[in-house]
C-alpha atoms as a PDB file:
ATOM      1  CA  MET A   1     -47.030  -8.367-143.433  1.00  0.00           C
ATOM      2  CA  ARG A   2     -48.010  -5.247-141.072  1.00  0.00           C
ATOM      3  CA  ILE A   3     -50.295  -7.575-138.920  1.00  0.00           C
ATOM      4  CA  PHE A   4     -47.504  -9.954-138.316  1.00  0.00           C
ATOM      5  CA  ASN A   5     -45.207  -7.097-137.254  1.00  0.00           C
ATOM      6  CA  ILE A   6     -47.627  -6.233-134.231  1.00  0.00           C
ATOM      7  CA  PHE A   7     -48.027  -9.793-132.823  1.00  0.00           C
ATOM      8  CA  ARG A   8     -44.089 -10.198-133.063  1.00  0.00           C
ATOM      9  CA  ARG A   9     -43.582  -6.839-130.832  1.00  0.00           C
ATOM     10  CA  LYS A  10     -41.018  -7.456-128.084  1.00  0.00           C
ATOM     11  CA  GLU A  11     -42.107  -6.700-124.636  1.00  0.00           C
ATOM     12  CA  PHE A  12     -40.773  -3.376-122.931  1.00  0.00           C
ATOM     13  CA  LYS A  13     -38.457  -4.220-120.157  1.00  0.00           C
ATOM     14  CA  PRO A  14     -37.252  -1.088-118.077  1.00  0.00           C
ATOM     15  CA  GLN A  15     -33.480  -0.967-117.787  1.00  0.00           C
ATOM     16  CA  PRO A  16     -31.878   0.229-114.246  1.00  0.00           C
ATOM     17  CA  LYS A  17     -30.333   3.638-114.836  1.00  0.00           C
ATOM     18  CA  GLN A  18     -27.206   4.700-113.281  1.00  0.00           C
ATOM     19  CA  LEU A  19     -27.482   7.352-110.593  1.00  0.00           C
ATOM     20  CA  ARG A  20     -26.347  10.833-111.663  1.00  0.00           C
ATOM     21  CA  ILE A  21     -26.401  14.207-109.873  1.00  0.00           C
ATOM     22  CA  ASP A  22     -25.886  17.163-111.815  1.00  0.00           C
ATOM     23  CA  GLY A  23     -24.221  15.233-114.877  1.00  0.00           C
ATOM     24  CA  THR A  24     -21.547  13.446-112.454  1.00  0.00           C
ATOM     25  CA  LYS A  25     -21.601   9.531-112.235  1.00  0.00           C
ATOM     26  CA  THR A  26     -21.636   8.388-108.857  1.00  0.00           C
ATOM     27  CA  THR A  27     -20.076   5.230-107.626  1.00  0.00           C
ATOM     28  CA  LEU A  28     -22.569   3.019-105.785  1.00  0.00           C
ATOM     29  CA  THR A  29     -21.560   1.181-102.578  1.00  0.00           C
ATOM     30  CA  PRO A  30     -23.397  -1.905-101.538  1.00  0.00           C
ATOM     31  CA  THR A  31     -24.083  -0.260 -97.906  1.00  0.00           C
ATOM     32  CA  PRO A  32     -24.200   3.457 -97.008  1.00  0.00           C
ATOM     33  CA  ASP A  33     -20.697   4.653 -96.343  1.00  0.00           C
ATOM     34  CA  ASP A  34     -19.570   7.145 -93.478  1.00  0.00           C
ATOM     35  CA  ALA A  35     -20.119  10.095 -95.799  1.00  0.00           C
ATOM     36  CA  GLU A  36     -23.585   9.228 -96.742  1.00  0.00           C
ATOM     37  CA  LEU A  37     -24.632   8.639 -93.259  1.00  0.00           C
ATOM     38  CA  ALA A  38     -22.954  11.930 -92.170  1.00  0.00           C
ATOM     39  CA  ALA A  39     -24.613  13.809 -95.039  1.00  0.00           C
ATOM     40  CA  GLN A  40     -28.402  12.000 -93.747  1.00  0.00           C
ATOM     41  CA  ALA A  41     -27.577  13.042 -90.253  1.00  0.00           C
ATOM     42  CA  LEU A  42     -26.881  16.734 -91.190  1.00  0.00           C
ATOM     43  CA  LEU A  43     -29.888  16.716 -93.265  1.00  0.00           C
ATOM     44  CA  GLU A  44     -32.168  15.390 -90.333  1.00  0.00           C
ATOM     45  CA  SER A  45     -30.595  17.695 -87.836  1.00  0.00           C
ATOM     46  CA  ARG A  46     -31.206  20.749 -90.229  1.00  0.00           C
ATOM     47  CA  LEU A  47     -34.745  19.748 -90.952  1.00  0.00           C
ATOM     48  CA  SER A  48     -35.913  18.995 -87.556  1.00  0.00           C
ATOM     49  CA  PRO A  49     -35.993  21.582 -84.645  1.00  0.00           C
ATOM     50  CA  THR A  50     -33.268  20.666 -81.501  1.00  0.00           C
ATOM     51  CA  PRO A  51     -35.000  18.504 -79.212  1.00  0.00           C
ATOM     52  CA  SER A  52     -34.925  19.971 -75.829  1.00  0.00           C
ATOM     53  CA  LYS A  53     -34.907  17.881 -72.400  1.00  0.00           C
ATOM     54  CA  LYS A  54     -38.310  18.758 -71.648  1.00  0.00           C
ATOM     55  CA  LYS A  55     -39.631  17.234 -75.008  1.00  0.00           C
ATOM     56  CA  GLU A  56     -37.664  14.286 -74.643  1.00  0.00           C
ATOM     57  CA  ASN A  57     -39.313  13.673 -71.061  1.00  0.00           C
ATOM     58  CA  ARG A  58     -42.729  14.120 -72.646  1.00  0.00           C
ATOM     59  CA  ALA A  59     -42.126  11.830 -75.507  1.00  0.00           C
ATOM     60  CA  ASP A  60     -41.690   9.028 -72.677  1.00  0.00           C
ATOM     61  CA  LYS A  61     -44.748  10.128 -70.842  1.00  0.00           C
ATOM     62  CA  ASP A  62     -46.843   9.991 -74.143  1.00  0.00           C
ATOM     63  CA  LYS A  63     -45.850   6.635 -75.152  1.00  0.00           C
ATOM     64  CA  PRO A  64     -48.895   4.518 -75.220  1.00  0.00           C
ATOM     65  CA  LEU A  65     -49.712   1.986 -72.759  1.00  0.00           C
ATOM     66  CA  ARG A  66     -48.785  -1.566 -73.905  1.00  0.00           C
ATOM     67  CA  GLY A  67     -52.254  -3.232 -74.747  1.00  0.00           C
ATOM     68  CA  THR A  68     -54.080  -0.091 -76.173  1.00  0.00           C
ATOM     69  CA  PRO A  69     -55.011   0.487 -79.781  1.00  0.00           C
ATOM     70  CA  GLU A  70     -52.525   3.345 -79.995  1.00  0.00           C
ATOM     71  CA  TYR A  71     -49.697   1.299 -78.921  1.00  0.00           C
ATOM     72  CA  TYR A  72     -50.513  -1.314 -81.673  1.00  0.00           C
ATOM     73  CA  HIS A  73     -50.847   1.245 -84.304  1.00  0.00           C
ATOM     74  CA  GLN A  74     -47.422   2.879 -83.277  1.00  0.00           C
ATOM     75  CA  LEU A  75     -46.055  -0.736 -83.410  1.00  0.00           C
ATOM     76  CA  SER A  76     -47.455  -1.244 -86.940  1.00  0.00           C
ATOM     77  CA  LYS A  77     -45.731   2.016 -87.937  1.00  0.00           C
ATOM     78  CA  ASN A  78     -42.697   1.068 -86.584  1.00  0.00           C
ATOM     79  CA  ILE A  79     -42.765  -2.192 -88.143  1.00  0.00           C
ATOM     80  CA  LYS A  80     -43.865  -0.591 -91.639  1.00  0.00           C
ATOM     81  CA  ALA A  81     -40.792   1.937 -91.304  1.00  0.00           C
ATOM     82  CA  SER A  82     -38.343  -0.814 -90.870  1.00  0.00           C
ATOM     83  CA  ARG A  83     -39.595  -2.939 -93.606  1.00  0.00           C
ATOM     84  CA  ALA A  84     -39.496  -0.027 -96.315  1.00  0.00           C
ATOM     85  CA  ALA A  85     -36.012   0.533 -94.762  1.00  0.00           C
ATOM     86  CA  GLU A  86     -35.006  -2.913 -95.643  1.00  0.00           C
ATOM     87  CA  LYS A  87     -36.693  -2.991 -98.933  1.00  0.00           C
ATOM     88  CA  ARG A  88     -34.357   0.241 -99.957  1.00  0.00           C
ATOM     89  CA  LEU A  89     -31.277  -1.312 -98.650  1.00  0.00           C
ATOM     90  CA  THR A  90     -32.050  -4.786-100.559  1.00  0.00           C
ATOM     91  CA  MET A  91     -32.875  -2.630-103.488  1.00  0.00           C
ATOM     92  CA  ARG A  92     -29.433  -0.713-103.226  1.00  0.00           C
ATOM     93  CA  TYR A  93     -27.514  -4.026-103.080  1.00  0.00           C
ATOM     94  CA  LEU A  94     -29.297  -5.368-106.196  1.00  0.00           C
ATOM     95  CA  VAL A  95     -28.564  -2.374-108.087  1.00  0.00           C
ATOM     96  CA  TYR A  96     -24.519  -2.653-106.924  1.00  0.00           C
ATOM     97  CA  CYS A  97     -24.905  -6.171-107.847  1.00  0.00           C
ATOM     98  CA  GLU A  98     -26.174  -5.373-111.232  1.00  0.00           C
ATOM     99  CA  GLU A  99     -23.716  -2.866-111.983  1.00  0.00           C
ATOM    100  CA  GLN A 100     -20.544  -5.079-110.667  1.00  0.00           C
ATOM    101  CA  LEU A 101     -21.914  -8.019-112.930  1.00  0.00           C
ATOM    102  CA  ALA A 102     -22.438  -5.794-115.942  1.00  0.00           C
ATOM    103  CA  LEU A 103     -19.080  -4.326-115.879  1.00  0.00           C
ATOM    104  CA  PRO A 104     -16.784  -5.791-118.520  1.00  0.00           C
ATOM    105  CA  LYS A 105     -13.755  -6.505-116.254  1.00  0.00           C
ATOM    106  CA  GLU A 106     -13.770 -10.206-114.808  1.00  0.00           C
ATOM    107  CA  LEU A 107     -14.573 -10.381-111.170  1.00  0.00           C
ATOM    108  CA  TYR A 108     -12.645 -12.731-109.120  1.00  0.00           C
ATOM    109  CA  VAL A 109     -14.097 -15.819-107.363  1.00  0.00           C
ATOM    110  CA  GLY A 110     -14.169 -14.738-103.973  1.00  0.00           C
ATOM    111  CA  GLN A 111     -15.778 -11.108-104.733  1.00  0.00           C
ATOM    112  CA  ILE A 112     -18.816 -13.464-106.634  1.00  0.00           C
ATOM    113  CA  GLY A 113     -18.934 -15.562-103.769  1.00  0.00           C
ATOM    114  CA  GLU A 114     -19.201 -12.690-101.217  1.00  0.00           C
ATOM    115  CA  MET A 115     -22.074 -11.307-103.663  1.00  0.00           C
ATOM    116  CA  GLU A 116     -23.747 -14.762-103.576  1.00  0.00           C
ATOM    117  CA  GLN A 117     -23.606 -14.752 -99.631  1.00  0.00           C
ATOM    118  CA  GLU A 118     -24.848 -11.397 -99.272  1.00  0.00           C
ATOM    119  CA  LEU A 119     -27.893 -12.030-101.558  1.00  0.00           C
ATOM    120  CA  TYR A 120     -28.606 -14.801 -99.860  1.00  0.00           C
ATOM    121  CA  LYS A 121     -28.855 -12.981 -96.590  1.00  0.00           C
ATOM    122  CA  ARG A 122     -31.355 -10.755 -98.196  1.00  0.00           C
ATOM    123  CA  GLN A 123     -33.500 -13.757 -99.686  1.00  0.00           C
ATOM    124  CA  ASP A 124     -36.188 -13.202 -96.937  1.00  0.00           C
ATOM    125  CA  ILE A 125     -36.817  -9.539 -97.829  1.00  0.00           C
ATOM    126  CA  ALA A 126     -37.175 -10.329-101.485  1.00  0.00           C
ATOM    127  CA  GLU A 127     -39.465 -13.168-101.207  1.00  0.00           C
ATOM    128  CA  ARG A 128     -41.565 -11.095 -98.821  1.00  0.00           C
ATOM    129  CA  GLU A 129     -41.507  -7.980-101.298  1.00  0.00           C
ATOM    130  CA  GLY A 130     -41.939 -10.344-104.338  1.00  0.00           C
ATOM    131  CA  GLY A 131     -42.450  -8.416-107.725  1.00  0.00           C
ATOM    132  CA  GLU A 132     -39.774  -6.727-109.371  1.00  0.00           C
ATOM    133  CA  LEU A 133     -37.458  -6.985-106.138  1.00  0.00           C
ATOM    134  CA  LEU A 134     -37.554 -10.567-106.528  1.00  0.00           C
ATOM    135  CA  ARG A 135     -37.353 -11.030-110.080  1.00  0.00           C
ATOM    136  CA  ARG A 136     -33.978  -8.983-109.881  1.00  0.00           C
ATOM    137  CA  TRP A 137     -32.798 -10.571-106.882  1.00  0.00           C
ATOM    138  CA  GLN A 138     -33.424 -14.273-108.633  1.00  0.00           C
ATOM    139  CA  ARG A 139     -31.531 -12.615-111.548  1.00  0.00           C
ATOM    140  CA  CYS A 140     -28.239 -11.475-109.704  1.00  0.00           C
ATOM    141  CA  LEU A 141     -28.106 -14.969-107.754  1.00  0.00           C
ATOM    142  CA  ALA A 142     -28.516 -16.765-110.903  1.00  0.00           C
ATOM    143  CA  GLU A 143     -25.750 -14.583-112.596  1.00  0.00           C
ATOM    144  CA  CYS A 144     -23.411 -15.102-109.581  1.00  0.00           C
ATOM    145  CA  ILE A 145     -23.850 -19.090-109.391  1.00  0.00           C
ATOM    146  CA  VAL A 146     -23.291 -19.065-113.419  1.00  0.00           C
ATOM    147  CA  ARG A 147     -20.223 -17.195-113.020  1.00  0.00           C
ATOM    148  CA  GLN A 148     -18.818 -19.263-110.190  1.00  0.00           C
ATOM    149  CA  MET A 149     -19.699 -22.632-112.155  1.00  0.00           C
ATOM    150  CA  SER A 150     -17.965 -21.403-115.368  1.00  0.00           C
ATOM    151  CA  SER A 151     -15.003 -20.292-113.481  1.00  0.00           C
ATOM    152  CA  SER A 152     -14.601 -23.043-111.439  1.00  0.00           C
ATOM    153  CA  PRO A 153     -13.738 -25.699-113.907  1.00  0.00           C
ATOM    154  CA  ALA A 154     -10.951 -23.610-115.378  1.00  0.00           C
ATOM    155  CA  GLU A 155      -9.357 -23.456-112.188  1.00  0.00           C
ATOM    156  CA  THR A 156      -9.473 -27.214-111.427  1.00  0.00           C
ATOM    157  CA  THR A 157      -7.754 -27.855-114.679  1.00  0.00           C
ATOM    158  CA  GLU A 158      -5.150 -25.369-114.043  1.00  0.00           C
ATOM    159  CA  ASN A 159      -4.167 -26.732-110.474  1.00  0.00           C
ATOM    160  CA  THR A 160      -4.492 -30.280-112.012  1.00  0.00           C
ATOM    161  CA  GLU A 161      -1.913 -29.461-114.603  1.00  0.00           C
ATOM    162  CA  THR A 162       0.393 -27.494-112.176  1.00  0.00           C
ATOM    163  CA  ASN A 163       0.114 -30.543-109.808  1.00  0.00           C
ATOM    164  CA  LYS A 164       1.497 -32.828-112.278  1.00  0.00           C
END
């Protein structure tokens, strides 16, 4: 009996955890709001020294010339940084969708449709990154489509009954 239990073991699937700050539950928004952007700007201004005009001019002069290896290294760093930022924003939106779809309240069809459109906007990023991000994106999209399909027939029958 014990040997059979070993083979019947379920796979471990990590579940997303809600964000918590000192025991306080936060509400996740699909995109950074004004308060979050202001806090980020404040942190960046505190951590980096104040740039002077001389440093700004020097930065323009220190830019590598187009066609040099340094130029392409700098370009690849910028591309990597922008892709990492896209991945973070996509993951943030997926967590928001998972949170909204897990709520016991019924979402209205328009809200689910908006979620579906936003998920399609992030499709390229999810497919490029693959792995866990793609799997979660597919799950959110499937859930949105299923909810729209399940709510659509109920509305059409109600509309036909009221028109009679």
